[in-house]
Amino acid sequence: MRVLFAADDVISRTLFAAVLAHAGHESRAASDGGEAWSMFQAEPVPLVVLDAVMPVLDGLEVCRRIRAHPAGRETFILIVTPDDAREDLAEVLDRGADDYVSKPSTPENLRARLEIAARRITQEETRRAAETELARARWLAGIGETTIALEHEINNPLSALLGHAELLLMDDQLTHDQRGELETMREQAARIADVVRRLAKLRNPSSAEYSSGARRIDLSKGTTHNE
């Protein structure tokens, strides 16, 4: 997992780097809050560890900015607080932190908090994936219901239109222009029938962007192979 950690003292940064490396995480270090915020903006990561007390920007301000960033809404933020700051823990959580650990902290304690963070991140990823799949299933169900309705509502009048066009074309008294207009009508009706047929065969529909910027269902994909 990619991790960004920030602390202004060398001892804390060394401890963070060692614990993260031992856990197999890919980490980047910042020496103050301003650098941490710049690094996150350049490359958001799923886990951020912030010392609460840092120059330029303190950990709580960096936490607040990350939470306001579009890419930071799903980031797990762990704040490292001074041991005597227990009365400020409510503010730590109010600023958007997910968890906190007091310092000085042992490697074992820090590893435990990182393990909790990793599990929470995995659970959130699984939940979001399930929600995405459910939303797509509902979308596909809506497409199927719409297709059935369109097929029923369009095919009946379209069949009547095509039938009348064929009957009229059998009239030998038609002028050249009249015959041409009827043939055009028949061709356009056949095109509509083809669209309805392809719509009914959609199995895994996708959308495509048109020149206007709008997205529409792409009828050239997602149909069955035995059309």
C-alpha atoms as a PDB file:
ATOM      1  CA  MET A   1       0.000   0.000   0.000  1.00  0.00           C
ATOM      2  CA  ARG A   2       1.219   3.524  -0.789  1.00  0.00           C
ATOM      3  CA  VAL A   3       1.627   5.595   2.369  1.00  0.00           C
ATOM      4  CA  LEU A   4       2.534   9.243   2.959  1.00  0.00           C
ATOM      5  CA  PHE A   5       3.858  10.131   6.416  1.00  0.00           C
ATOM      6  CA  ALA A   6       4.933  13.469   7.807  1.00  0.00           C
ATOM      7  CA  ALA A   7       6.878  14.480  10.919  1.00  0.00           C
ATOM      8  CA  ASP A   8       9.282  17.331  11.586  1.00  0.00           C
ATOM      9  CA  ASP A   9      11.741  15.330  13.734  1.00  0.00           C
ATOM     10  CA  VAL A  10      14.189  12.798  12.335  1.00  0.00           C
ATOM     11  CA  ILE A  11      13.502  10.169  15.009  1.00  0.00           C
ATOM     12  CA  SER A  12       9.781   9.986  14.195  1.00  0.00           C
ATOM     13  CA  ARG A  13      10.431   9.848  10.450  1.00  0.00           C
ATOM     14  CA  THR A  14      12.983   7.067  10.951  1.00  0.00           C
ATOM     15  CA  LEU A  15      10.514   5.082  13.072  1.00  0.00           C
ATOM     16  CA  PHE A  16       7.690   5.534  10.540  1.00  0.00           C
ATOM     17  CA  ALA A  17       9.949   4.516   7.642  1.00  0.00           C
ATOM     18  CA  ALA A  18      11.182   1.379   9.426  1.00  0.00           C
ATOM     19  CA  VAL A  19       7.720   0.211  10.511  1.00  0.00           C
ATOM     20  CA  LEU A  20       6.196   0.861   7.082  1.00  0.00           C
ATOM     21  CA  ALA A  21       9.053  -0.905   5.284  1.00  0.00           C
ATOM     22  CA  HIS A  22       8.749  -3.905   7.627  1.00  0.00           C
ATOM     23  CA  ALA A  23       5.024  -4.096   6.828  1.00  0.00           C
ATOM     24  CA  GLY A  24       5.781  -4.058   3.098  1.00  0.00           C
ATOM     25  CA  HIS A  25       4.286  -0.643   2.354  1.00  0.00           C
ATOM     26  CA  GLU A  26       5.642   1.829  -0.177  1.00  0.00           C
ATOM     27  CA  SER A  27       6.181   5.054   1.750  1.00  0.00           C
ATOM     28  CA  ARG A  28       7.127   8.675   1.111  1.00  0.00           C
ATOM     29  CA  ALA A  29       8.227  11.084   3.855  1.00  0.00           C
ATOM     30  CA  ALA A  30       7.590  14.786   4.408  1.00  0.00           C
ATOM     31  CA  SER A  31       9.406  16.940   6.961  1.00  0.00           C
ATOM     32  CA  ASP A  32       6.568  19.423   7.558  1.00  0.00           C
ATOM     33  CA  GLY A  33       2.856  19.885   6.940  1.00  0.00           C
ATOM     34  CA  GLY A  34       3.293  22.122   3.910  1.00  0.00           C
ATOM     35  CA  GLU A  35       5.433  19.523   2.152  1.00  0.00           C
ATOM     36  CA  ALA A  36       2.972  16.761   3.078  1.00  0.00           C
ATOM     37  CA  TRP A  37       0.062  18.704   1.593  1.00  0.00           C
ATOM     38  CA  SER A  38       1.993  19.404  -1.631  1.00  0.00           C
ATOM     39  CA  MET A  39       2.976  15.732  -1.952  1.00  0.00           C
ATOM     40  CA  PHE A  40      -0.607  14.579  -1.450  1.00  0.00           C
ATOM     41  CA  GLN A  41      -1.902  16.993  -4.077  1.00  0.00           C
ATOM     42  CA  ALA A  42       0.703  15.732  -6.535  1.00  0.00           C
ATOM     43  CA  GLU A  43       0.000  12.049  -5.820  1.00  0.00           C
ATOM     44  CA  PRO A  44      -2.919  11.094  -3.526  1.00  0.00           C
ATOM     45  CA  VAL A  45      -2.438   7.906  -1.503  1.00  0.00           C
ATOM     46  CA  PRO A  46      -4.861   5.644   0.411  1.00  0.00           C
ATOM     47  CA  LEU A  47      -3.109   6.085   3.792  1.00  0.00           C
ATOM     48  CA  VAL A  48      -1.624   9.237   5.379  1.00  0.00           C
ATOM     49  CA  VAL A  49       0.156   9.370   8.756  1.00  0.00           C
ATOM     50  CA  LEU A  50       0.524  12.901  10.153  1.00  0.00           C
ATOM     51  CA  ASP A  51       2.277  14.240  13.224  1.00  0.00           C
ATOM     52  CA  ALA A  52      -0.169  16.601  14.891  1.00  0.00           C
ATOM     53  CA  VAL A  53       2.530  19.219  15.663  1.00  0.00           C
ATOM     54  CA  MET A  54       4.529  20.355  12.606  1.00  0.00           C
ATOM     55  CA  PRO A  55       5.771  23.646  11.137  1.00  0.00           C
ATOM     56  CA  VAL A  56       4.204  25.409   8.104  1.00  0.00           C
ATOM     57  CA  LEU A  57       0.953  23.440   8.481  1.00  0.00           C
ATOM     58  CA  ASP A  58       0.099  21.325  11.514  1.00  0.00           C
ATOM     59  CA  GLY A  59      -1.242  17.809  11.112  1.00  0.00           C
ATOM     60  CA  LEU A  60      -4.856  18.777  11.775  1.00  0.00           C
ATOM     61  CA  GLU A  61      -4.814  21.435   9.051  1.00  0.00           C
ATOM     62  CA  VAL A  62      -3.297  18.994   6.579  1.00  0.00           C
ATOM     63  CA  CYS A  63      -5.984  16.491   7.602  1.00  0.00           C
ATOM     64  CA  ARG A  64      -8.719  19.069   6.995  1.00  0.00           C
ATOM     65  CA  ARG A  65      -7.317  19.931   3.553  1.00  0.00           C
ATOM     66  CA  ILE A  66      -7.014  16.285   2.548  1.00  0.00           C
ATOM     67  CA  ARG A  67     -10.619  15.638   3.549  1.00  0.00           C
ATOM     68  CA  ALA A  68     -11.754  18.599   1.420  1.00  0.00           C
ATOM     69  CA  HIS A  69      -9.781  17.287  -1.585  1.00  0.00           C
ATOM     70  CA  PRO A  70     -11.818  15.118  -4.016  1.00  0.00           C
ATOM     71  CA  ALA A  71      -9.188  12.374  -3.885  1.00  0.00           C
ATOM     72  CA  GLY A  72      -8.959  12.558  -0.092  1.00  0.00           C
ATOM     73  CA  ARG A  73     -12.481  11.546   0.784  1.00  0.00           C
ATOM     74  CA  GLU A  74     -11.514   7.881   0.730  1.00  0.00           C
ATOM     75  CA  THR A  75      -8.048   8.321   2.292  1.00  0.00           C
ATOM     76  CA  PHE A  76      -7.445   6.837   5.742  1.00  0.00           C
ATOM     77  CA  ILE A  77      -5.772   9.443   7.966  1.00  0.00           C
ATOM     78  CA  LEU A  78      -3.871   8.500  11.128  1.00  0.00           C
ATOM     79  CA  ILE A  79      -2.839  11.388  13.406  1.00  0.00           C
ATOM     80  CA  VAL A  80       0.121  11.029  15.790  1.00  0.00           C
ATOM     81  CA  THR A  81      -0.686  13.168  18.844  1.00  0.00           C
ATOM     82  CA  PRO A  82       1.430  14.274  21.826  1.00  0.00           C
ATOM     83  CA  ASP A  83       0.884  12.080  24.885  1.00  0.00           C
ATOM     84  CA  ASP A  84      -0.441  15.057  26.882  1.00  0.00           C
ATOM     85  CA  ALA A  85      -3.062  16.084  24.290  1.00  0.00           C
ATOM     86  CA  ARG A  86      -5.914  13.842  25.392  1.00  0.00           C
ATOM     87  CA  GLU A  87      -8.309  16.770  25.720  1.00  0.00           C
ATOM     88  CA  ASP A  88      -7.744  17.574  22.021  1.00  0.00           C
ATOM     89  CA  LEU A  89      -8.612  14.104  20.683  1.00  0.00           C
ATOM     90  CA  ALA A  90     -12.189  15.153  19.900  1.00  0.00           C
ATOM     91  CA  GLU A  91     -10.826  17.897  17.652  1.00  0.00           C
ATOM     92  CA  VAL A  92      -8.572  15.337  15.934  1.00  0.00           C
ATOM     93  CA  LEU A  93     -11.622  13.305  14.918  1.00  0.00           C
ATOM     94  CA  ASP A  94     -13.673  16.412  14.142  1.00  0.00           C
ATOM     95  CA  ARG A  95     -11.065  17.485  11.583  1.00  0.00           C
ATOM     96  CA  GLY A  96     -11.650  14.237   9.687  1.00  0.00           C
ATOM     97  CA  ALA A  97      -9.043  11.846  11.078  1.00  0.00           C
ATOM     98  CA  ASP A  98      -9.961   8.148  11.106  1.00  0.00           C
ATOM     99  CA  ASP A  99      -7.699   7.146  13.988  1.00  0.00           C
ATOM    100  CA  TYR A 100      -4.924   8.456  16.221  1.00  0.00           C
ATOM    101  CA  VAL A 101      -1.927   7.153  18.115  1.00  0.00           C
ATOM    102  CA  SER A 102      -0.053   8.893  20.943  1.00  0.00           C
ATOM    103  CA  LYS A 103       3.693   9.442  20.925  1.00  0.00           C
ATOM    104  CA  PRO A 104       6.187   8.399  21.913  1.00  0.00           C
ATOM    105  CA  SER A 105       4.863   5.208  20.336  1.00  0.00           C
ATOM    106  CA  THR A 106       6.471   1.786  20.162  1.00  0.00           C
ATOM    107  CA  PRO A 107       6.958   0.054  16.803  1.00  0.00           C
ATOM    108  CA  GLU A 108       4.491  -2.621  17.907  1.00  0.00           C
ATOM    109  CA  ASN A 109       1.789  -0.076  18.695  1.00  0.00           C
ATOM    110  CA  LEU A 110       2.324   1.742  15.417  1.00  0.00           C
ATOM    111  CA  ARG A 111       2.221  -1.546  13.487  1.00  0.00           C
ATOM    112  CA  ALA A 112      -1.096  -2.399  15.172  1.00  0.00           C
ATOM    113  CA  ARG A 113      -2.634   0.938  14.149  1.00  0.00           C
ATOM    114  CA  LEU A 114      -1.369   0.482  10.572  1.00  0.00           C
ATOM    115  CA  GLU A 115      -2.883  -3.009  10.460  1.00  0.00           C
ATOM    116  CA  ILE A 116      -6.237  -1.584  11.551  1.00  0.00           C
ATOM    117  CA  ALA A 117      -5.936   1.095   8.867  1.00  0.00           C
ATOM    118  CA  ALA A 118      -5.106  -1.484   6.172  1.00  0.00           C
ATOM    119  CA  ARG A 119      -8.124  -3.605   7.125  1.00  0.00           C
ATOM    120  CA  ARG A 120     -10.434  -0.590   7.107  1.00  0.00           C
ATOM    121  CA  ILE A 121      -9.143   0.471   3.681  1.00  0.00           C
ATOM    122  CA  THR A 122      -9.722  -3.036   2.299  1.00  0.00           C
ATOM    123  CA  GLN A 123     -13.239  -3.125   3.747  1.00  0.00           C
ATOM    124  CA  GLU A 124     -14.058   0.275   2.213  1.00  0.00           C
ATOM    125  CA  GLU A 125     -12.717  -0.791  -1.186  1.00  0.00           C
ATOM    126  CA  THR A 126     -14.848  -3.942  -1.046  1.00  0.00           C
ATOM    127  CA  ARG A 127     -17.923  -1.911  -0.066  1.00  0.00           C
ATOM    128  CA  ARG A 128     -17.407   0.609  -2.865  1.00  0.00           C
ATOM    129  CA  ALA A 129     -16.897  -2.193  -5.389  1.00  0.00           C
ATOM    130  CA  ALA A 130     -20.130  -3.837  -4.242  1.00  0.00           C
ATOM    131  CA  GLU A 131     -22.022  -0.535  -4.477  1.00  0.00           C
ATOM    132  CA  THR A 132     -20.672   0.038  -7.991  1.00  0.00           C
ATOM    133  CA  GLU A 133     -21.725  -3.458  -9.051  1.00  0.00           C
ATOM    134  CA  LEU A 134     -25.184  -2.972  -7.523  1.00  0.00           C
ATOM    135  CA  ALA A 135     -25.601   0.369  -9.304  1.00  0.00           C
ATOM    136  CA  ARG A 136     -24.630  -1.255 -12.619  1.00  0.00           C
ATOM    137  CA  ALA A 137     -27.033  -4.145 -12.004  1.00  0.00           C
ATOM    138  CA  ARG A 138     -29.845  -1.656 -11.403  1.00  0.00           C
ATOM    139  CA  TRP A 139     -28.846   0.265 -14.538  1.00  0.00           C
ATOM    140  CA  LEU A 140     -28.870  -2.933 -16.598  1.00  0.00           C
ATOM    141  CA  ALA A 141     -32.246  -3.896 -15.156  1.00  0.00           C
ATOM    142  CA  GLY A 142     -33.596  -0.477 -16.135  1.00  0.00           C
ATOM    143  CA  ILE A 143     -32.174  -0.891 -19.649  1.00  0.00           C
ATOM    144  CA  GLY A 144     -33.881  -4.272 -19.931  1.00  0.00           C
ATOM    145  CA  GLU A 145     -37.255  -2.933 -18.812  1.00  0.00           C
ATOM    146  CA  THR A 146     -36.953   0.049 -21.160  1.00  0.00           C
ATOM    147  CA  THR A 147     -36.018  -2.231 -24.050  1.00  0.00           C
ATOM    148  CA  ILE A 148     -39.074  -4.430 -23.555  1.00  0.00           C
ATOM    149  CA  ALA A 149     -41.339  -1.379 -23.423  1.00  0.00           C
ATOM    150  CA  LEU A 150     -39.786   0.185 -26.525  1.00  0.00           C
ATOM    151  CA  GLU A 151     -39.918  -3.064 -28.455  1.00  0.00           C
ATOM    152  CA  HIS A 152     -43.612  -3.410 -27.719  1.00  0.00           C
ATOM    153  CA  GLU A 153     -44.527   0.226 -28.327  1.00  0.00           C
ATOM    154  CA  ILE A 154     -42.498   0.619 -31.531  1.00  0.00           C
ATOM    155  CA  ASN A 155     -42.820  -2.753 -33.254  1.00  0.00           C
ATOM    156  CA  ASN A 156     -46.625  -2.747 -33.550  1.00  0.00           C
ATOM    157  CA  PRO A 157     -47.014   0.631 -35.332  1.00  0.00           C
ATOM    158  CA  LEU A 158     -43.796  -0.019 -37.266  1.00  0.00           C
ATOM    159  CA  SER A 159     -45.149  -3.313 -38.616  1.00  0.00           C
ATOM    160  CA  ALA A 160     -48.325  -1.545 -39.720  1.00  0.00           C
ATOM    161  CA  LEU A 161     -46.279   1.185 -41.399  1.00  0.00           C
ATOM    162  CA  LEU A 162     -44.121  -1.304 -43.282  1.00  0.00           C
ATOM    163  CA  GLY A 163     -47.170  -3.331 -44.319  1.00  0.00           C
ATOM    164  CA  HIS A 164     -48.961  -0.297 -45.728  1.00  0.00           C
ATOM    165  CA  ALA A 165     -45.818   0.794 -47.568  1.00  0.00           C
ATOM    166  CA  GLU A 166     -45.504  -2.625 -49.189  1.00  0.00           C
ATOM    167  CA  LEU A 167     -49.166  -2.579 -50.254  1.00  0.00           C
ATOM    168  CA  LEU A 168     -48.892   0.881 -51.761  1.00  0.00           C
ATOM    169  CA  LEU A 169     -45.763  -0.101 -53.696  1.00  0.00           C
ATOM    170  CA  MET A 170     -47.784  -2.826 -55.426  1.00  0.00           C
ATOM    171  CA  ASP A 171     -49.916  -0.134 -57.103  1.00  0.00           C
ATOM    172  CA  ASP A 172     -48.927   0.122 -60.772  1.00  0.00           C
ATOM    173  CA  GLN A 173     -50.469   3.601 -61.014  1.00  0.00           C
ATOM    174  CA  LEU A 174     -47.822   5.226 -58.810  1.00  0.00           C
ATOM    175  CA  THR A 175     -45.728   7.963 -60.324  1.00  0.00           C
ATOM    176  CA  HIS A 176     -41.952   7.753 -60.196  1.00  0.00           C
ATOM    177  CA  ASP A 177     -41.778  10.345 -57.408  1.00  0.00           C
ATOM    178  CA  GLN A 178     -44.464   8.632 -55.354  1.00  0.00           C
ATOM    179  CA  ARG A 179     -42.699   5.292 -55.665  1.00  0.00           C
ATOM    180  CA  GLY A 180     -39.422   6.896 -54.600  1.00  0.00           C
ATOM    181  CA  GLU A 181     -41.037   8.454 -51.533  1.00  0.00           C
ATOM    182  CA  LEU A 182     -42.607   5.146 -50.523  1.00  0.00           C
ATOM    183  CA  GLU A 183     -39.317   3.308 -50.943  1.00  0.00           C
ATOM    184  CA  THR A 184     -37.611   5.909 -48.770  1.00  0.00           C
ATOM    185  CA  MET A 185     -40.353   5.428 -46.155  1.00  0.00           C
ATOM    186  CA  ARG A 186     -39.836   1.674 -46.273  1.00  0.00           C
ATOM    187  CA  GLU A 187     -36.049   2.008 -45.937  1.00  0.00           C
ATOM    188  CA  GLN A 188     -36.287   4.355 -42.948  1.00  0.00           C
ATOM    189  CA  ALA A 189     -38.839   2.117 -41.252  1.00  0.00           C
ATOM    190  CA  ALA A 190     -36.491  -0.834 -41.808  1.00  0.00           C
ATOM    191  CA  ARG A 191     -33.687   1.169 -40.160  1.00  0.00           C
ATOM    192  CA  ILE A 192     -35.890   1.781 -37.111  1.00  0.00           C
ATOM    193  CA  ALA A 193     -36.721  -1.925 -36.987  1.00  0.00           C
ATOM    194  CA  ASP A 194     -32.984  -2.734 -37.044  1.00  0.00           C
ATOM    195  CA  VAL A 195     -32.326  -0.360 -34.140  1.00  0.00           C
ATOM    196  CA  VAL A 196     -35.104  -1.980 -32.100  1.00  0.00           C
ATOM    197  CA  ARG A 197     -33.721  -5.416 -32.933  1.00  0.00           C
ATOM    198  CA  ARG A 198     -30.198  -4.471 -31.803  1.00  0.00           C
ATOM    199  CA  LEU A 199     -31.569  -2.840 -28.649  1.00  0.00           C
ATOM    200  CA  ALA A 200     -33.436  -6.031 -27.777  1.00  0.00           C
ATOM    201  CA  LYS A 201     -30.212  -8.056 -28.172  1.00  0.00           C
ATOM    202  CA  LEU A 202     -28.130  -5.908 -25.794  1.00  0.00           C
ATOM    203  CA  ARG A 203     -26.519  -8.039 -23.105  1.00  0.00           C
ATOM    204  CA  ASN A 204     -23.718  -5.842 -21.756  1.00  0.00           C
ATOM    205  CA  PRO A 205     -24.530  -2.295 -22.847  1.00  0.00           C
ATOM    206  CA  SER A 206     -21.985   0.505 -22.652  1.00  0.00           C
ATOM    207  CA  SER A 207     -22.200   4.218 -23.342  1.00  0.00           C
ATOM    208  CA  ALA A 208     -20.330   6.349 -25.868  1.00  0.00           C
ATOM    209  CA  GLU A 209     -19.702  10.088 -25.935  1.00  0.00           C
ATOM    210  CA  TYR A 210     -21.068  12.004 -28.910  1.00  0.00           C
ATOM    211  CA  SER A 211     -19.787  15.268 -30.376  1.00  0.00           C
ATOM    212  CA  SER A 212     -22.211  17.269 -28.220  1.00  0.00           C
ATOM    213  CA  GLY A 213     -20.622  15.829 -25.071  1.00  0.00           C
ATOM    214  CA  ALA A 214     -23.729  13.813 -24.188  1.00  0.00           C
ATOM    215  CA  ARG A 215     -23.392  10.090 -23.466  1.00  0.00           C
ATOM    216  CA  ARG A 216     -25.719   7.588 -25.097  1.00  0.00           C
ATOM    217  CA  ILE A 217     -26.016   3.822 -25.199  1.00  0.00           C
ATOM    218  CA  ASP A 218     -23.682   2.392 -27.829  1.00  0.00           C
ATOM    219  CA  LEU A 219     -25.775  -0.007 -29.906  1.00  0.00           C
ATOM    220  CA  SER A 220     -22.726  -1.218 -31.818  1.00  0.00           C
ATOM    221  CA  LYS A 221     -21.473  -3.139 -28.765  1.00  0.00           C
ATOM    222  CA  GLY A 222     -22.834  -5.508 -26.196  1.00  0.00           C
ATOM    223  CA  THR A 223     -25.098  -7.537 -28.477  1.00  0.00           C
ATOM    224  CA  THR A 224     -25.068 -11.301 -28.659  1.00  0.00           C
ATOM    225  CA  HIS A 225     -22.686 -12.957 -31.100  1.00  0.00           C
ATOM    226  CA  ASN A 226     -25.394 -14.867 -32.962  1.00  0.00           C
ATOM    227  CA  GLU A 227     -27.243 -11.831 -34.355  1.00  0.00           C
END
